[in-house]
Amino acid sequence: MSTITNDKLEKIAHDWVAIDPNEKTKAEILHLINDKQYDKLQRKLYPRIAFGTAGLRSSMESGFAHMNDVTVLQASQGLVEYLLTKFANPSIVVGYDHRFHSQRFAEILASVALLRGFTVYYLGSINNFSSESLKSYKGGFQNNEGASREYVHTPLVPFAIDHLKASGGVMITASHNPANDNGYKVYYANGCQIIPPQDADIAQSIEKNLHPWSDDVWRVIENFEKGLKADKLKCVKPEIVKQYVAAVKKKLVKETRLDFKFIYTPMHGVGLEIFEQCIDLFDTKSFIVVEKQSKPDPSFPTVSFPNPEEKGALDLAIEQAQQTKSDLVIASDPDADRFSVAVVDKQGKFKQLTGNEIGFLFAMYVIENMDKAKLSNTYLLNSTVSSQVLKSMAEKDGFNFIDTLTGFKWIGNKAIDLENEGHFVPFGYEEAIGFMFDLVHDKDGISAAVVFLQLYQQWFSKGDLDVIDKLEQGYKRYGWFKDLNGYYRLEDVSLTPKIFKAVRASYSGHDQPQHIGDFKVTYWRDLTIGFDSSTPNHEPILPVDPHSQMITAILEPTEKSQDDKDISVRFTCRGSGTEPKLKVYIEGKSSTSESDALKIADDCWETLKREWFKPEEYGLVEVKP
């Protein structure tokens, strides 16, 4: 953590007190100043919460380092001023989920935008305001406590931007983070998450708009009332939901009958409302919702971590599936932009599929059901930390494949670029259970569920083939690709550049290492320094970022057996942008067997551990799957 002098810290603390409208958190900071509790003050106030390509995300507490009314106001003033420089008649879509304070943060943003003359396309409620906004209201409005809070799933915001041709949009959510976190996810006018240089430009605009423009910025309900009167505040959720469901039907629904039982859990999130409307497009009565996880609950009482990927998160759903003799469990995360699946394996036990396995099934389904004459103009996408099985598919089946940097901001923007060139992009995915179809340029757990249910109906509903069989068929055709993704937990994030510096020093004087342990290096890409061994000038096609650490390589055993000449392993190591972790993504490839692919992946993990990461020397905690 960066350190500053106590005098500077006290000045920052008094700046906070001068801005904060909340008497309780004001008193909290004043108490820390008076008691000279500088460690706690620094944790709350410095450094300021950073605005980046993910917008904002942090725990909710007082201080400039966290998510709260003040930092949301500052971000909103900066974003609004930025959009004013780009659009003559700016408009913005605003949505929020069920997390603590999400509605309040959305109300602050909408209020700020209305003060600057924006048209605000509001997906939230104007009949049941947040308790925080009501406290400062002096007018005669009476809240309708029985009215809906109008929570939405995250993909509805980019969908609305596209449908309404808005200048941008924000979704207030922390997705699958812990209960005390929240976030501010920003989309641009193309319906996709912001990328550089937009993030830096918005961050600069925020720095210029840290002080509240006037007392009016806090008069949320009054600004809503004026916006409604001037027809600048438009409540669009019913229309956008209707259009979303219609687009799902038109673009994604091919099979209208689902004659199998399945379990669905929205993981205490907002997914059920929109999921049920999409399920009404099908002829089915055979799905069951996990009751204990069905309603939006920001405390996530039945899971230790509200992420379907986490161990134990699907236990309730699997238990219900076993009781009802259902062979399929599907889940969305709390803001319903991610999607997960569990199926019964050959031993009769439930197995949760990895993001790469789900992505492989989706890719095979999309390609098998496409007009083969269109394949040469078709692109499938995933991120560089996801499986390369799509590359093998493209080589055999005649479509095109591109991988991007990590995150749907890159996948979505690349899809838009390709579509603008006249290409078709029906599917993209990332191994962290994010899947994008031809509906929005972002991951969407609901559209993924709609497609997966049809996939299941087409391939597995008759019972003569199961999911594991289909995956095996795919691997026999395209090669076995098996991932081993884990991470090292760091006490100090400054260790990440230190470790990578040592890695680069190990082959000093050469562009890339020739060997790592018992492996020889056949491909090397370093997006920190800007080197790619596969390009003619050795300049990477993907963007270079000297402020982050990312190395990708392909290795082959020094000695290969005659049985499997086509065996290799690909890995990407990178520093996490949001957590004190060094992430390691490894994928073994074999043309002959699953076990060989798994073994080479494990050998690679152990080699990198021994040669590079040295957990005992650096004090790292290994988290290997």
Foldseek 3Di string as FASTA:
>chain_A
DDDDDLVVLVVQLVVQLVFDPDPVQSVVSVVCVVVVVSVVSCVAEPPAQAQALQGGKAFDDHYRNADDQQVLLLLLQLVLVVLVVVDVAAEEEEAEWDAVCRQVSSLLNVLNNLVVPHQYAYQFDLQAGDPVLVVPEDDDRDHDPPDDRRHAFVLLRLLVLVVVLHQWYWYWAPFQFALRMIGIFIGGSNSFGDHPPVRVSSRVSSVVRSHDPDPSSSNRSVSVVVCVVVVSYHHCNVVSLVVLLVCLCVPPDDAQEQDAAEEEAAQLADPPVSLVSNNVSHPDDHYYYLVVRHHNDSNSPPDPTQAPVDPPSCVSRQVVCVVVVGFKYKYAGRSQLFIWIWGQDPVRDIDTDFLQLLQLLLVVVVLVPDDLVQQQQEEEEEAPLHWCLVVLCCVPSVHHYDHAHDFLSTQLVVCVVSVVVVGHYAWYGYRSRFIDGPRGSGGGNSSSVSNVSVSCRVAPPVPPADSVNVSVVSCLVRWAKDKWKWWWFAPDLVVVVVLVVVLCVVPPPDPHDQDQVQKGWPWKAWLLVAATPPDPVRGDPYHHHVVWGKMKTKIDGPDDDPVWPPKIKIKMWIQDPPHRITIIMMMITTNPDNVRRVVVRVVVVVSCCVRGVVCVVRVIHTDID
